[in-house]
Amino acid sequence: MTAVQAVALLAVAALGTGVVLVRDPARQALASSVFGLALAVLFLAFQAPDVALSQIVVGAVALPAMILLTIRKVARARSAGETEARR
């Protein structure tokens, strides 16, 4: 195992723990995106560039975007529900 691989493994372990410890959903989406980029670097370190490209698209872009859009939709639905309850 090379030094780059060891550092990448440690970074993925630390960032994965960080994603779990974050409680705010919006911040957790951002942490998940950074974690996805770290996984892509890990895959590159282990000479799997095709998996790394897929990880960048899915783990660093698509998943956090879906989480943020869902958070926004739920917040809008809650505010609409509160507005109807006041009537």
C-alpha atoms as a PDB file:
ATOM      1  CA  MET A   1       0.000   0.000   0.000  1.00  0.00           C
ATOM      2  CA  THR A   2       1.344   3.402  -0.944  1.00  0.00           C
ATOM      3  CA  ALA A   3       1.283   6.553   1.157  1.00  0.00           C
ATOM      4  CA  VAL A   4      -1.357   8.113  -1.109  1.00  0.00           C
ATOM      5  CA  GLN A   5      -3.635   5.116  -0.618  1.00  0.00           C
ATOM      6  CA  ALA A   6      -3.168   5.201   3.156  1.00  0.00           C
ATOM      7  CA  VAL A   7      -3.918   8.934   3.329  1.00  0.00           C
ATOM      8  CA  ALA A   8      -6.982   8.473   1.116  1.00  0.00           C
ATOM      9  CA  LEU A   9      -8.262   5.672   3.348  1.00  0.00           C
ATOM     10  CA  LEU A  10      -7.782   7.785   6.467  1.00  0.00           C
ATOM     11  CA  ALA A  11      -9.508  10.760   4.835  1.00  0.00           C
ATOM     12  CA  VAL A  12     -12.494   8.614   3.820  1.00  0.00           C
ATOM     13  CA  ALA A  13     -12.741   7.195   7.353  1.00  0.00           C
ATOM     14  CA  ALA A  14     -12.603  10.651   8.946  1.00  0.00           C
ATOM     15  CA  LEU A  15     -15.057  12.223   6.506  1.00  0.00           C
ATOM     16  CA  GLY A  16     -17.466   9.294   6.813  1.00  0.00           C
ATOM     17  CA  THR A  17     -17.490   9.757  10.561  1.00  0.00           C
ATOM     18  CA  GLY A  18     -18.047  13.466  10.045  1.00  0.00           C
ATOM     19  CA  VAL A  19     -21.077  12.846   7.834  1.00  0.00           C
ATOM     20  CA  VAL A  20     -22.622  10.674  10.528  1.00  0.00           C
ATOM     21  CA  LEU A  21     -21.976  13.203  13.301  1.00  0.00           C
ATOM     22  CA  VAL A  22     -23.495  16.203  11.489  1.00  0.00           C
ATOM     23  CA  ARG A  23     -27.119  16.696  12.558  1.00  0.00           C
ATOM     24  CA  ASP A  24     -28.391  19.494  10.308  1.00  0.00           C
ATOM     25  CA  PRO A  25     -29.683  17.933   7.055  1.00  0.00           C
ATOM     26  CA  ALA A  26     -28.399  20.745   4.819  1.00  0.00           C
ATOM     27  CA  ARG A  27     -24.928  20.568   6.331  1.00  0.00           C
ATOM     28  CA  GLN A  28     -25.055  16.800   6.142  1.00  0.00           C
ATOM     29  CA  ALA A  29     -25.707  17.063   2.392  1.00  0.00           C
ATOM     30  CA  LEU A  30     -22.620  19.254   2.051  1.00  0.00           C
ATOM     31  CA  ALA A  31     -20.567  16.841   4.160  1.00  0.00           C
ATOM     32  CA  SER A  32     -21.842  13.970   2.029  1.00  0.00           C
ATOM     33  CA  SER A  33     -20.660  15.786  -1.082  1.00  0.00           C
ATOM     34  CA  VAL A  34     -17.164  16.230   0.339  1.00  0.00           C
ATOM     35  CA  PHE A  35     -17.199  12.579   1.389  1.00  0.00           C
ATOM     36  CA  GLY A  36     -18.132  11.616  -2.195  1.00  0.00           C
ATOM     37  CA  LEU A  37     -15.159  13.551  -3.527  1.00  0.00           C
ATOM     38  CA  ALA A  38     -12.878  11.823  -1.017  1.00  0.00           C
ATOM     39  CA  LEU A  39     -14.194   8.458  -2.174  1.00  0.00           C
ATOM     40  CA  ALA A  40     -13.457   9.440  -5.767  1.00  0.00           C
ATOM     41  CA  VAL A  41      -9.872  10.260  -4.781  1.00  0.00           C
ATOM     42  CA  LEU A  42      -9.668   6.904  -3.010  1.00  0.00           C
ATOM     43  CA  PHE A  43     -10.852   5.100  -6.127  1.00  0.00           C
ATOM     44  CA  LEU A  44      -8.279   6.962  -8.190  1.00  0.00           C
ATOM     45  CA  ALA A  45      -5.562   5.997  -5.704  1.00  0.00           C
ATOM     46  CA  PHE A  46      -6.542   2.349  -6.134  1.00  0.00           C
ATOM     47  CA  GLN A  47      -6.467   2.744  -9.935  1.00  0.00           C
ATOM     48  CA  ALA A  48     -10.194   2.593 -10.637  1.00  0.00           C
ATOM     49  CA  PRO A  49     -10.810   5.768 -12.691  1.00  0.00           C
ATOM     50  CA  ASP A  50     -14.126   4.582 -14.117  1.00  0.00           C
ATOM     51  CA  VAL A  51     -15.541   4.043 -10.634  1.00  0.00           C
ATOM     52  CA  ALA A  52     -14.097   7.401  -9.550  1.00  0.00           C
ATOM     53  CA  LEU A  53     -15.927   9.223 -12.356  1.00  0.00           C
ATOM     54  CA  SER A  54     -19.182   7.516 -11.419  1.00  0.00           C
ATOM     55  CA  GLN A  55     -18.622   8.427  -7.783  1.00  0.00           C
ATOM     56  CA  ILE A  56     -18.089  12.084  -8.646  1.00  0.00           C
ATOM     57  CA  VAL A  57     -21.357  12.234 -10.563  1.00  0.00           C
ATOM     58  CA  VAL A  58     -23.467  10.294  -8.088  1.00  0.00           C
ATOM     59  CA  GLY A  59     -21.856  10.837  -4.693  1.00  0.00           C
ATOM     60  CA  ALA A  60     -20.581  14.384  -5.038  1.00  0.00           C
ATOM     61  CA  VAL A  61     -23.279  15.951  -7.236  1.00  0.00           C
ATOM     62  CA  ALA A  62     -26.531  14.016  -7.683  1.00  0.00           C
ATOM     63  CA  LEU A  63     -27.144  12.705  -4.161  1.00  0.00           C
ATOM     64  CA  PRO A  64     -26.486  15.993  -2.332  1.00  0.00           C
ATOM     65  CA  ALA A  65     -28.607  17.855  -4.898  1.00  0.00           C
ATOM     66  CA  MET A  66     -31.495  15.436  -4.329  1.00  0.00           C
ATOM     67  CA  ILE A  67     -31.170  15.816  -0.563  1.00  0.00           C
ATOM     68  CA  LEU A  68     -31.189  19.616  -0.758  1.00  0.00           C
ATOM     69  CA  LEU A  69     -34.182  19.636  -3.119  1.00  0.00           C
ATOM     70  CA  THR A  70     -36.069  17.309  -0.776  1.00  0.00           C
ATOM     71  CA  ILE A  71     -35.285  19.499   2.234  1.00  0.00           C
ATOM     72  CA  ARG A  72     -36.587  22.527   0.347  1.00  0.00           C
ATOM     73  CA  LYS A  73     -39.785  20.747  -0.694  1.00  0.00           C
ATOM     74  CA  VAL A  74     -40.483  19.537   2.839  1.00  0.00           C
ATOM     75  CA  ALA A  75     -39.909  23.045   4.215  1.00  0.00           C
ATOM     76  CA  ARG A  76     -42.345  24.491   1.674  1.00  0.00           C
ATOM     77  CA  ALA A  77     -44.949  21.834   2.488  1.00  0.00           C
ATOM     78  CA  ARG A  78     -44.605  22.569   6.209  1.00  0.00           C
ATOM     79  CA  SER A  79     -45.000  26.308   5.692  1.00  0.00           C
ATOM     80  CA  ALA A  80     -48.044  25.727   3.463  1.00  0.00           C
ATOM     81  CA  GLY A  81     -49.529  23.445   6.127  1.00  0.00           C
ATOM     82  CA  GLU A  82     -48.962  26.046   8.822  1.00  0.00           C
ATOM     83  CA  THR A  83     -50.618  28.685   6.652  1.00  0.00           C
ATOM     84  CA  GLU A  84     -53.713  26.504   6.171  1.00  0.00           C
ATOM     85  CA  ALA A  85     -53.870  25.724   9.895  1.00  0.00           C
ATOM     86  CA  ARG A  86     -53.997  29.441  10.723  1.00  0.00           C
ATOM     87  CA  ARG A  87     -57.061  30.009   8.542  1.00  0.00           C
END
